[in-house]
Every structure is written in structure tokens, then in C-alpha cells.
Amino acid sequence: MKNRYTKEFEDFVRENASKYNREELRQLVQKEYNIVISKDSFRRYLNRHKIKSIHLIKNNARDVYKCPIGTERATSEGVFIKVAQPDKWRRKSRVMYEMYHDCKLNDNEYIVFLNRNNNDFRKENLMKSTQREMAYLHNYKTYSKNPKLTELGILSARLMIKAKDKLESRTTFDKI
């Protein structure tokens, strides 16, 4: 027998979807309406009715959507800082680099940790690099735990890119 949910049920779910994650919302609905709904059925119900519940980061007890600006969170991808409401997070390395050098980074610019320690945000440990330079850095394995060697690797990547661009820009008359 198929469950038929009332308009009142849908209104209740929509009203509470912004306050609870999917599992908490499912438990609240079960308690309120004295019914049993499996996780999959409830997920399908939300999808079918285009209801979005808030999402919590796994292994994180607090709700990151309600965190104040300036809050830091560590994930497997790095450290992030909340920079705006409702939910705008940026990599801490980019924020710190922009603050130290009073500049705005483009989307194709990356920050390299010269000593390979992703939790060391000192000014002397952060260096700007492009996606193309990062490709050279990884292809030629010119990164190291020694900050001077990593910096040298980035500078040599820049030199190789300039040389390659110069060779490609020469016309056929220059080559003769």
C-alpha cells in the first residue's frame, strides 16, 4: 500500500527543512506524525517534492552554516575560512596570501606551501603560482620540504614556460 502524504505533511516538511539536516528532519516527521519512513523513502520524497534540507559536514558536530564569519574549518582538502554569510568559504592560504601582499588572486592562480606543510601560513612559506607552473612543478618533481628548493622549482618552471613561449612565438622568418 502506497503512503499518501497530505498537504499539511508537505508544509511541515518544507517549514522545517531549513532548520534540520535530512536525518534529523526524518526523525522529527516520524515523531510528529507517528509513522515510520525509511531513509531512502524520505530522501526520494524530498527529491520528488524538490525540498532541500541543510547539509552538515561529516564528522563535524556543529552546523557550519550557522558559524560566524572568520570561523576556520579543516577538511581533507585543506583549511577554510568563512568569509561571508550565508555560506561563503575560501581557502585560508589564499586569504592569508591576499592579506600579506594586498592583492586579489585570479582563479588560475594557486598558493604553494614552500615547505609542503599545509598548516604553515607564514608569509615566507606562501608563494603564488599559476596552473601551468604547478603542472611543471609536479611533472618535473621540483618540489621539496626545503622551502628554498621548492621556490627554485617554481622559478625554474617560470623560466621554462617563458622559454617555450618565446620559441613558439617566433615566426618562420626568424627560424631561417
C-alpha atoms as a PDB file:
ATOM      1  CA  MET A   1       0.000   0.000   0.000  1.00  0.00           C
ATOM      2  CA  LYS A   2       1.415   3.375  -1.023  1.00  0.00           C
ATOM      3  CA  ASN A   3       1.621   6.201   1.504  1.00  0.00           C
ATOM      4  CA  ARG A   4      -0.293   9.313   0.554  1.00  0.00           C
ATOM      5  CA  TYR A   5       1.064  12.410   2.246  1.00  0.00           C
ATOM      6  CA  THR A   6      -1.219  15.349   2.915  1.00  0.00           C
ATOM      7  CA  LYS A   7      -0.595  18.996   2.086  1.00  0.00           C
ATOM      8  CA  GLU A   8      -0.186  19.578   5.826  1.00  0.00           C
ATOM      9  CA  PHE A   9       2.599  16.970   5.876  1.00  0.00           C
ATOM     10  CA  GLU A  10       4.393  18.632   2.949  1.00  0.00           C
ATOM     11  CA  ASP A  11       4.053  22.087   4.560  1.00  0.00           C
ATOM     12  CA  PHE A  12       5.503  20.747   7.814  1.00  0.00           C
ATOM     13  CA  VAL A  13       8.480  19.232   5.983  1.00  0.00           C
ATOM     14  CA  ARG A  14       9.105  22.420   3.934  1.00  0.00           C
ATOM     15  CA  GLU A  15       8.896  24.606   7.042  1.00  0.00           C
ATOM     16  CA  ASN A  16      11.437  22.542   8.957  1.00  0.00           C
ATOM     17  CA  ALA A  17      13.787  21.658   6.081  1.00  0.00           C
ATOM     18  CA  SER A  18      15.818  24.842   6.583  1.00  0.00           C
ATOM     19  CA  LYS A  19      16.332  24.069  10.278  1.00  0.00           C
ATOM     20  CA  TYR A  20      17.372  20.409  10.220  1.00  0.00           C
ATOM     21  CA  ASN A  21      19.508  18.077   8.153  1.00  0.00           C
ATOM     22  CA  ARG A  22      17.788  15.195   6.345  1.00  0.00           C
ATOM     23  CA  GLU A  23      18.155  12.618   9.133  1.00  0.00           C
ATOM     24  CA  GLU A  24      17.016  14.983  11.899  1.00  0.00           C
ATOM     25  CA  LEU A  25      14.077  16.046   9.739  1.00  0.00           C
ATOM     26  CA  ARG A  26      13.103  12.416   9.094  1.00  0.00           C
ATOM     27  CA  GLN A  27      13.147  11.672  12.819  1.00  0.00           C
ATOM     28  CA  LEU A  28      11.091  14.788  13.557  1.00  0.00           C
ATOM     29  CA  VAL A  29       8.481  13.789  10.951  1.00  0.00           C
ATOM     30  CA  GLN A  30       8.300  10.252  12.351  1.00  0.00           C
ATOM     31  CA  LYS A  31       7.776  11.621  15.840  1.00  0.00           C
ATOM     32  CA  GLU A  32       5.257  14.299  14.813  1.00  0.00           C
ATOM     33  CA  TYR A  33       3.099  12.083  12.568  1.00  0.00           C
ATOM     34  CA  ASN A  34       3.716   8.778  14.361  1.00  0.00           C
ATOM     35  CA  ILE A  35       4.835   6.998  11.170  1.00  0.00           C
ATOM     36  CA  VAL A  36       7.891   5.051  10.074  1.00  0.00           C
ATOM     37  CA  ILE A  37       9.790   6.244   6.974  1.00  0.00           C
ATOM     38  CA  SER A  38      12.992   4.659   5.742  1.00  0.00           C
ATOM     39  CA  LYS A  39      15.961   6.880   4.927  1.00  0.00           C
ATOM     40  CA  ASP A  40      15.687   6.099   1.211  1.00  0.00           C
ATOM     41  CA  SER A  41      11.944   6.736   1.081  1.00  0.00           C
ATOM     42  CA  PHE A  42      12.341  10.057   2.819  1.00  0.00           C
ATOM     43  CA  ARG A  43      15.228  11.054   0.549  1.00  0.00           C
ATOM     44  CA  ARG A  44      13.101  10.206  -2.507  1.00  0.00           C
ATOM     45  CA  TYR A  45      10.162  12.173  -1.047  1.00  0.00           C
ATOM     46  CA  LEU A  46      12.380  15.250  -0.603  1.00  0.00           C
ATOM     47  CA  ASN A  47      13.769  14.917  -4.124  1.00  0.00           C
ATOM     48  CA  ARG A  48      10.347  14.375  -5.677  1.00  0.00           C
ATOM     49  CA  HIS A  49       8.959  17.489  -3.984  1.00  0.00           C
ATOM     50  CA  LYS A  50      12.182  19.491  -4.562  1.00  0.00           C
ATOM     51  CA  ILE A  51      12.699  20.128  -0.849  1.00  0.00           C
ATOM     52  CA  LYS A  52      16.261  20.923   0.200  1.00  0.00           C
ATOM     53  CA  SER A  53      17.377  20.287   3.762  1.00  0.00           C
ATOM     54  CA  ILE A  54      20.569  21.716   5.212  1.00  0.00           C
ATOM     55  CA  HIS A  55      23.715  19.619   4.972  1.00  0.00           C
ATOM     56  CA  LEU A  56      26.189  19.055   7.742  1.00  0.00           C
ATOM     57  CA  ILE A  57      29.795  18.234   7.139  1.00  0.00           C
ATOM     58  CA  LYS A  58      30.512  14.629   8.041  1.00  0.00           C
ATOM     59  CA  ASN A  59      32.432  14.107  11.275  1.00  0.00           C
ATOM     60  CA  ASN A  60      31.574  17.640  12.358  1.00  0.00           C
ATOM     61  CA  ALA A  61      29.212  18.163  15.283  1.00  0.00           C
ATOM     62  CA  ARG A  62      28.428  21.828  14.695  1.00  0.00           C
ATOM     63  CA  ASP A  63      26.341  23.289  11.916  1.00  0.00           C
ATOM     64  CA  VAL A  64      28.800  25.088   9.629  1.00  0.00           C
ATOM     65  CA  TYR A  65      26.014  27.123   8.029  1.00  0.00           C
ATOM     66  CA  LYS A  66      25.407  28.994  11.279  1.00  0.00           C
ATOM     67  CA  CYS A  67      29.071  29.692  12.041  1.00  0.00           C
ATOM     68  CA  PRO A  68      30.150  33.332  12.348  1.00  0.00           C
ATOM     69  CA  ILE A  69      32.406  34.949   9.741  1.00  0.00           C
ATOM     70  CA  GLY A  70      36.062  34.181  10.468  1.00  0.00           C
ATOM     71  CA  THR A  71      35.390  30.600  11.559  1.00  0.00           C
ATOM     72  CA  GLU A  72      38.014  28.111  10.378  1.00  0.00           C
ATOM     73  CA  ARG A  73      37.344  24.505   9.474  1.00  0.00           C
ATOM     74  CA  ALA A  74      39.767  21.799   8.474  1.00  0.00           C
ATOM     75  CA  THR A  75      38.834  19.231   5.837  1.00  0.00           C
ATOM     76  CA  SER A  76      40.784  16.664   3.889  1.00  0.00           C
ATOM     77  CA  GLU A  77      41.210  19.325   1.174  1.00  0.00           C
ATOM     78  CA  GLY A  78      42.736  21.942   3.486  1.00  0.00           C
ATOM     79  CA  VAL A  79      41.821  24.724   5.906  1.00  0.00           C
ATOM     80  CA  PHE A  80      38.929  27.038   5.001  1.00  0.00           C
ATOM     81  CA  ILE A  81      37.760  30.365   6.475  1.00  0.00           C
ATOM     82  CA  LYS A  82      34.172  31.576   6.402  1.00  0.00           C
ATOM     83  CA  VAL A  83      34.275  34.982   4.682  1.00  0.00           C
ATOM     84  CA  ALA A  84      30.572  35.807   4.184  1.00  0.00           C
ATOM     85  CA  GLN A  85      27.051  34.728   5.051  1.00  0.00           C
ATOM     86  CA  PRO A  86      25.150  32.569   4.428  1.00  0.00           C
ATOM     87  CA  ASP A  87      27.834  30.103   3.407  1.00  0.00           C
ATOM     88  CA  LYS A  88      30.896  31.520   1.613  1.00  0.00           C
ATOM     89  CA  TRP A  89      34.139  29.709   2.448  1.00  0.00           C
ATOM     90  CA  ARG A  90      37.605  30.350   0.984  1.00  0.00           C
ATOM     91  CA  ARG A  91      40.929  28.597   1.375  1.00  0.00           C
ATOM     92  CA  LYS A  92      42.873  30.075   4.265  1.00  0.00           C
ATOM     93  CA  SER A  93      46.091  30.058   2.214  1.00  0.00           C
ATOM     94  CA  ARG A  94      44.509  32.336  -0.417  1.00  0.00           C
ATOM     95  CA  VAL A  95      43.046  34.680   2.200  1.00  0.00           C
ATOM     96  CA  MET A  96      46.366  34.934   4.043  1.00  0.00           C
ATOM     97  CA  TYR A  97      48.364  35.496   0.824  1.00  0.00           C
ATOM     98  CA  GLU A  98      45.973  38.266  -0.282  1.00  0.00           C
ATOM     99  CA  MET A  99      46.221  39.852   3.161  1.00  0.00           C
ATOM    100  CA  TYR A 100      50.044  39.704   3.252  1.00  0.00           C
ATOM    101  CA  HIS A 101      50.544  41.018  -0.297  1.00  0.00           C
ATOM    102  CA  ASP A 102      47.495  43.318  -0.526  1.00  0.00           C
ATOM    103  CA  CYS A 103      46.352  41.828  -3.843  1.00  0.00           C
ATOM    104  CA  LYS A 104      43.464  39.828  -5.289  1.00  0.00           C
ATOM    105  CA  LEU A 105      44.247  36.390  -6.757  1.00  0.00           C
ATOM    106  CA  ASN A 106      42.739  35.245 -10.050  1.00  0.00           C
ATOM    107  CA  ASP A 107      41.012  31.882 -10.437  1.00  0.00           C
ATOM    108  CA  ASN A 108      44.000  30.426 -12.317  1.00  0.00           C
ATOM    109  CA  GLU A 109      46.458  31.367  -9.542  1.00  0.00           C
ATOM    110  CA  TYR A 110      47.287  28.947  -6.749  1.00  0.00           C
ATOM    111  CA  ILE A 111      49.162  29.160  -3.474  1.00  0.00           C
ATOM    112  CA  VAL A 112      52.074  26.789  -2.892  1.00  0.00           C
ATOM    113  CA  PHE A 113      53.296  25.943   0.612  1.00  0.00           C
ATOM    114  CA  LEU A 114      57.058  26.107   0.128  1.00  0.00           C
ATOM    115  CA  ASN A 115      57.844  23.702   2.990  1.00  0.00           C
ATOM    116  CA  ARG A 116      54.969  21.348   1.971  1.00  0.00           C
ATOM    117  CA  ASN A 117      53.263  21.915   5.380  1.00  0.00           C
ATOM    118  CA  ASN A 118      49.643  22.834   4.616  1.00  0.00           C
ATOM    119  CA  ASN A 119      49.155  24.262   8.115  1.00  0.00           C
ATOM    120  CA  ASP A 120      52.054  26.742   7.968  1.00  0.00           C
ATOM    121  CA  PHE A 121      50.513  30.068   6.884  1.00  0.00           C
ATOM    122  CA  ARG A 122      53.545  32.308   7.453  1.00  0.00           C
ATOM    123  CA  LYS A 123      54.190  34.925   4.779  1.00  0.00           C
ATOM    124  CA  GLU A 124      57.562  33.440   3.821  1.00  0.00           C
ATOM    125  CA  ASN A 125      56.010  29.991   3.311  1.00  0.00           C
ATOM    126  CA  LEU A 126      53.327  31.052   0.793  1.00  0.00           C
ATOM    127  CA  MET A 127      54.104  31.619  -2.890  1.00  0.00           C
ATOM    128  CA  LYS A 128      51.771  32.363  -5.793  1.00  0.00           C
ATOM    129  CA  SER A 129      51.860  30.070  -8.801  1.00  0.00           C
ATOM    130  CA  THR A 130      49.804  29.575 -11.957  1.00  0.00           C
ATOM    131  CA  GLN A 131      48.180  26.338 -13.043  1.00  0.00           C
ATOM    132  CA  ARG A 132      50.777  25.946 -15.785  1.00  0.00           C
ATOM    133  CA  GLU A 133      53.636  26.439 -13.309  1.00  0.00           C
ATOM    134  CA  MET A 134      52.041  23.883 -10.994  1.00  0.00           C
ATOM    135  CA  ALA A 135      51.992  21.380 -13.868  1.00  0.00           C
ATOM    136  CA  TYR A 136      55.748  21.859 -14.401  1.00  0.00           C
ATOM    137  CA  LEU A 137      56.327  21.651 -10.642  1.00  0.00           C
ATOM    138  CA  HIS A 138      54.603  18.257 -10.469  1.00  0.00           C
ATOM    139  CA  ASN A 139      55.797  16.850 -13.803  1.00  0.00           C
ATOM    140  CA  TYR A 140      59.465  17.567 -13.049  1.00  0.00           C
ATOM    141  CA  LYS A 141      59.040  16.866  -9.310  1.00  0.00           C
ATOM    142  CA  THR A 142      60.785  20.099  -8.342  1.00  0.00           C
ATOM    143  CA  TYR A 143      59.015  20.457  -5.009  1.00  0.00           C
ATOM    144  CA  SER A 144      60.655  19.654  -1.721  1.00  0.00           C
ATOM    145  CA  LYS A 145      60.264  20.032   2.038  1.00  0.00           C
ATOM    146  CA  ASN A 146      63.090  22.527   1.768  1.00  0.00           C
ATOM    147  CA  PRO A 147      61.399  25.908   1.025  1.00  0.00           C
ATOM    148  CA  LYS A 148      64.373  27.206  -0.997  1.00  0.00           C
ATOM    149  CA  LEU A 149      64.312  24.179  -3.323  1.00  0.00           C
ATOM    150  CA  THR A 150      60.548  24.460  -3.886  1.00  0.00           C
ATOM    151  CA  GLU A 151      60.895  28.173  -4.623  1.00  0.00           C
ATOM    152  CA  LEU A 152      63.711  27.377  -7.038  1.00  0.00           C
ATOM    153  CA  GLY A 153      61.472  24.766  -8.701  1.00  0.00           C
ATOM    154  CA  ILE A 154      58.702  27.343  -9.236  1.00  0.00           C
ATOM    155  CA  LEU A 155      61.166  29.885 -10.599  1.00  0.00           C
ATOM    156  CA  SER A 156      62.664  27.303 -12.972  1.00  0.00           C
ATOM    157  CA  ALA A 157      59.125  26.395 -14.129  1.00  0.00           C
ATOM    158  CA  ARG A 158      58.542  30.088 -14.909  1.00  0.00           C
ATOM    159  CA  LEU A 159      61.799  30.185 -16.850  1.00  0.00           C
ATOM    160  CA  MET A 160      60.912  27.042 -18.850  1.00  0.00           C
ATOM    161  CA  ILE A 161      57.463  28.461 -19.659  1.00  0.00           C
ATOM    162  CA  LYS A 162      58.952  31.784 -20.833  1.00  0.00           C
ATOM    163  CA  ALA A 163      61.499  29.962 -22.992  1.00  0.00           C
ATOM    164  CA  LYS A 164      58.856  27.699 -24.523  1.00  0.00           C
ATOM    165  CA  ASP A 165      56.535  30.642 -25.228  1.00  0.00           C
ATOM    166  CA  LYS A 166      59.411  32.560 -26.818  1.00  0.00           C
ATOM    167  CA  LEU A 167      60.253  29.632 -29.099  1.00  0.00           C
ATOM    168  CA  GLU A 168      56.620  29.146 -30.117  1.00  0.00           C
ATOM    169  CA  SER A 169      56.115  32.848 -30.845  1.00  0.00           C
ATOM    170  CA  ARG A 170      58.977  33.002 -33.363  1.00  0.00           C
ATOM    171  CA  THR A 171      57.803  33.222 -36.940  1.00  0.00           C
ATOM    172  CA  THR A 172      59.147  31.102 -39.781  1.00  0.00           C
ATOM    173  CA  PHE A 173      61.335  34.038 -40.921  1.00  0.00           C
ATOM    174  CA  ASP A 174      63.040  34.123 -37.529  1.00  0.00           C
ATOM    175  CA  LYS A 175      63.907  30.439 -37.785  1.00  0.00           C
ATOM    176  CA  ILE A 176      65.580  30.729 -41.223  1.00  0.00           C
END
